[in-house]
Amino acid sequence: MLDLLKIEWLKIKKYPAFWWMLVIVFLTYPGINIMFLNIYGHVTKGKEMANNIAKLLLGNPFAFPETWHTVAYFSSFFVLLPSILVIMLVTNEYNYKTHRQNIIDGWSRSQFITSKLMDVAIISFVVMIAYIHCIFIGIPS
């Protein structure tokens, strides 16, 4: 199992598109939430009647427990990015014929699929970390 992870790491570590997509995921998840937090702050700032009505209607979507719903909604705009990342990793196996080399090296199909599922699990964990980071954006407000 550890050998599969090492081999996958060797494939991924020099793949610049993977790193760019990972950076984009890490920037978009908090970025969209910070953007809407700033919009919320701008709309509800001030003493005018419209601002008070907006505060009354919206509450504070970036305060617990509403922050879970707010972050889930805004982050769902970019849920396609991690899936594109996984698709890129799998299609590279077939584009560069590394799946054939893995079979020649003695991998079984289950080992190949297991290595790809481990990639998906690791990417999911990284996205979960980015998501949890976004939850705490609105705490000071």
Protein backbone atom coordinates (compact mmCIF):
# COMPACT_ATOMS: atom_id res chain seq x y z
CA MET A 1 0.00 0.00 0.00
CA LEU A 2 2.80 2.39 0.89
CA ASP A 3 4.57 1.45 -2.33
CA LEU A 4 1.51 2.47 -4.33
CA LEU A 5 1.50 5.86 -2.61
CA LYS A 6 5.20 6.35 -3.32
CA ILE A 7 4.73 5.53 -7.00
CA GLU A 8 1.76 7.88 -7.26
CA TRP A 9 3.79 10.60 -5.56
CA LEU A 10 6.57 10.14 -8.12
CA LYS A 11 4.04 10.67 -10.91
CA ILE A 12 2.39 13.69 -9.31
CA LYS A 13 5.31 15.64 -7.89
CA LYS A 14 6.63 16.79 -11.29
CA TYR A 15 3.24 17.40 -12.85
CA PRO A 16 2.79 21.21 -12.89
CA ALA A 17 -0.88 21.15 -13.94
CA PHE A 18 -1.70 19.17 -10.80
CA TRP A 19 -0.01 21.75 -8.59
CA TRP A 20 -1.65 24.66 -10.42
CA MET A 21 -5.08 23.08 -10.05
CA LEU A 22 -4.43 22.40 -6.36
CA VAL A 23 -3.43 26.04 -5.84
CA ILE A 24 -6.55 27.17 -7.70
CA VAL A 25 -8.69 24.98 -5.42
CA PHE A 26 -6.99 26.39 -2.33
CA LEU A 27 -7.51 29.95 -3.56
CA THR A 28 -11.07 29.66 -4.83
CA TYR A 29 -12.66 27.99 -1.82
CA PRO A 30 -11.62 30.66 0.69
CA GLY A 31 -11.64 33.39 -1.97
CA ILE A 32 -15.33 33.09 -2.83
CA ASN A 33 -16.26 32.99 0.85
CA ILE A 34 -14.13 36.03 1.71
CA MET A 35 -15.62 37.87 -1.25
CA PHE A 36 -19.17 37.24 -0.05
CA LEU A 37 -18.18 38.06 3.54
CA ASN A 38 -16.96 41.45 2.29
CA ILE A 39 -20.16 41.95 0.29
CA TYR A 40 -22.21 41.10 3.38
CA GLY A 41 -20.16 43.52 5.47
CA HIS A 42 -20.60 46.26 2.87
CA VAL A 43 -24.37 45.72 2.62
CA THR A 44 -24.99 45.65 6.37
CA LYS A 45 -22.55 48.41 7.34
CA GLY A 46 -24.02 51.72 8.35
CA LYS A 47 -27.03 53.04 10.19
CA GLU A 48 -29.44 53.53 7.28
CA MET A 49 -32.79 51.79 7.26
CA ALA A 50 -31.93 49.61 4.24
CA ASN A 51 -28.82 48.30 5.98
CA ASN A 52 -30.79 47.50 9.12
CA ILE A 53 -33.42 45.68 7.08
CA ALA A 54 -30.69 43.68 5.33
CA LYS A 55 -29.22 42.75 8.72
CA LEU A 56 -32.64 41.75 9.97
CA LEU A 57 -33.42 39.61 6.92
CA LEU A 58 -30.01 38.00 6.49
CA GLY A 59 -28.93 37.68 10.08
CA ASN A 60 -25.24 36.85 9.99
CA PRO A 61 -24.69 33.98 7.55
CA PHE A 62 -21.02 33.83 8.54
CA ALA A 63 -21.67 33.16 12.23
CA PHE A 64 -22.08 29.69 13.65
CA PRO A 65 -24.18 27.58 13.01
CA GLU A 66 -25.24 29.28 9.75
CA THR A 67 -21.66 29.38 8.50
CA TRP A 68 -21.86 25.67 7.62
CA HIS A 69 -24.68 26.34 5.16
CA THR A 70 -23.14 29.52 3.81
CA VAL A 71 -19.72 28.03 3.16
CA ALA A 72 -21.26 24.88 1.67
CA TYR A 73 -23.36 26.96 -0.71
CA PHE A 74 -20.59 29.27 -1.89
CA SER A 75 -17.99 26.50 -2.08
CA SER A 76 -20.35 24.41 -4.19
CA PHE A 77 -19.69 26.80 -7.07
CA PHE A 78 -16.22 25.25 -7.38
CA VAL A 79 -16.94 21.61 -6.59
CA LEU A 80 -16.06 20.80 -10.18
CA LEU A 81 -12.38 21.74 -9.70
CA PRO A 82 -11.34 18.74 -7.57
CA SER A 83 -13.14 16.41 -9.95
CA ILE A 84 -11.22 17.92 -12.87
CA LEU A 85 -8.05 17.28 -10.88
CA VAL A 86 -8.92 13.59 -10.49
CA ILE A 87 -9.85 13.33 -14.16
CA MET A 88 -6.49 14.85 -15.12
CA LEU A 89 -4.62 12.28 -13.04
CA VAL A 90 -6.49 9.32 -14.52
CA THR A 91 -6.29 10.52 -18.11
CA ASN A 92 -2.56 11.11 -17.77
CA GLU A 93 -2.18 7.41 -16.97
CA TYR A 94 -3.65 6.60 -20.35
CA ASN A 95 -2.11 9.48 -22.32
CA TYR A 96 1.43 8.66 -21.25
CA LYS A 97 0.76 4.90 -21.12
CA THR A 98 1.99 4.60 -17.55
CA HIS A 99 -0.85 2.19 -16.83
CA ARG A 100 0.79 -0.25 -19.26
CA GLN A 101 4.10 0.14 -17.49
CA ASN A 102 2.39 -0.58 -14.20
CA ILE A 103 0.96 -3.82 -15.61
CA ILE A 104 4.40 -4.76 -16.97
CA ASP A 105 5.86 -4.07 -13.53
CA GLY A 106 3.45 -6.60 -12.05
CA TRP A 107 0.56 -4.53 -10.76
CA SER A 108 -2.84 -6.13 -10.74
CA ARG A 109 -5.93 -4.23 -11.79
CA SER A 110 -7.01 -3.98 -8.19
CA GLN A 111 -3.68 -2.36 -7.27
CA PHE A 112 -4.08 0.14 -10.11
CA ILE A 113 -7.61 1.02 -9.02
CA THR A 114 -6.52 1.14 -5.38
CA SER A 115 -3.77 3.62 -6.22
CA LYS A 116 -6.25 5.85 -8.05
CA LEU A 117 -8.74 5.61 -5.18
CA MET A 118 -5.98 6.63 -2.78
CA ASP A 119 -5.36 9.66 -5.01
CA VAL A 120 -9.04 10.53 -4.78
CA ALA A 121 -9.00 10.07 -0.99
CA ILE A 122 -5.96 12.32 -0.60
CA ILE A 123 -7.43 15.02 -2.86
CA SER A 124 -10.71 14.79 -0.93
CA PHE A 125 -8.82 15.22 2.33
CA VAL A 126 -7.00 18.29 0.98
CA VAL A 127 -10.28 19.83 -0.20
CA MET A 128 -11.83 19.05 3.19
CA ILE A 129 -8.99 20.94 4.88
CA ALA A 130 -9.63 23.92 2.58
CA TYR A 131 -13.36 23.70 3.34
CA ILE A 132 -12.82 23.59 7.11
CA HIS A 133 -10.48 26.57 6.79
CA CYS A 134 -13.33 28.48 5.14
CA ILE A 135 -15.68 27.73 8.03
CA PHE A 136 -13.58 29.90 10.32
CA ILE A 137 -13.50 32.93 7.99
CA GLY A 138 -16.48 34.64 9.59
CA ILE A 139 -15.60 34.10 13.26
CA PRO A 140 -14.30 37.65 13.92
CA SER A 141 -17.52 39.18 12.58
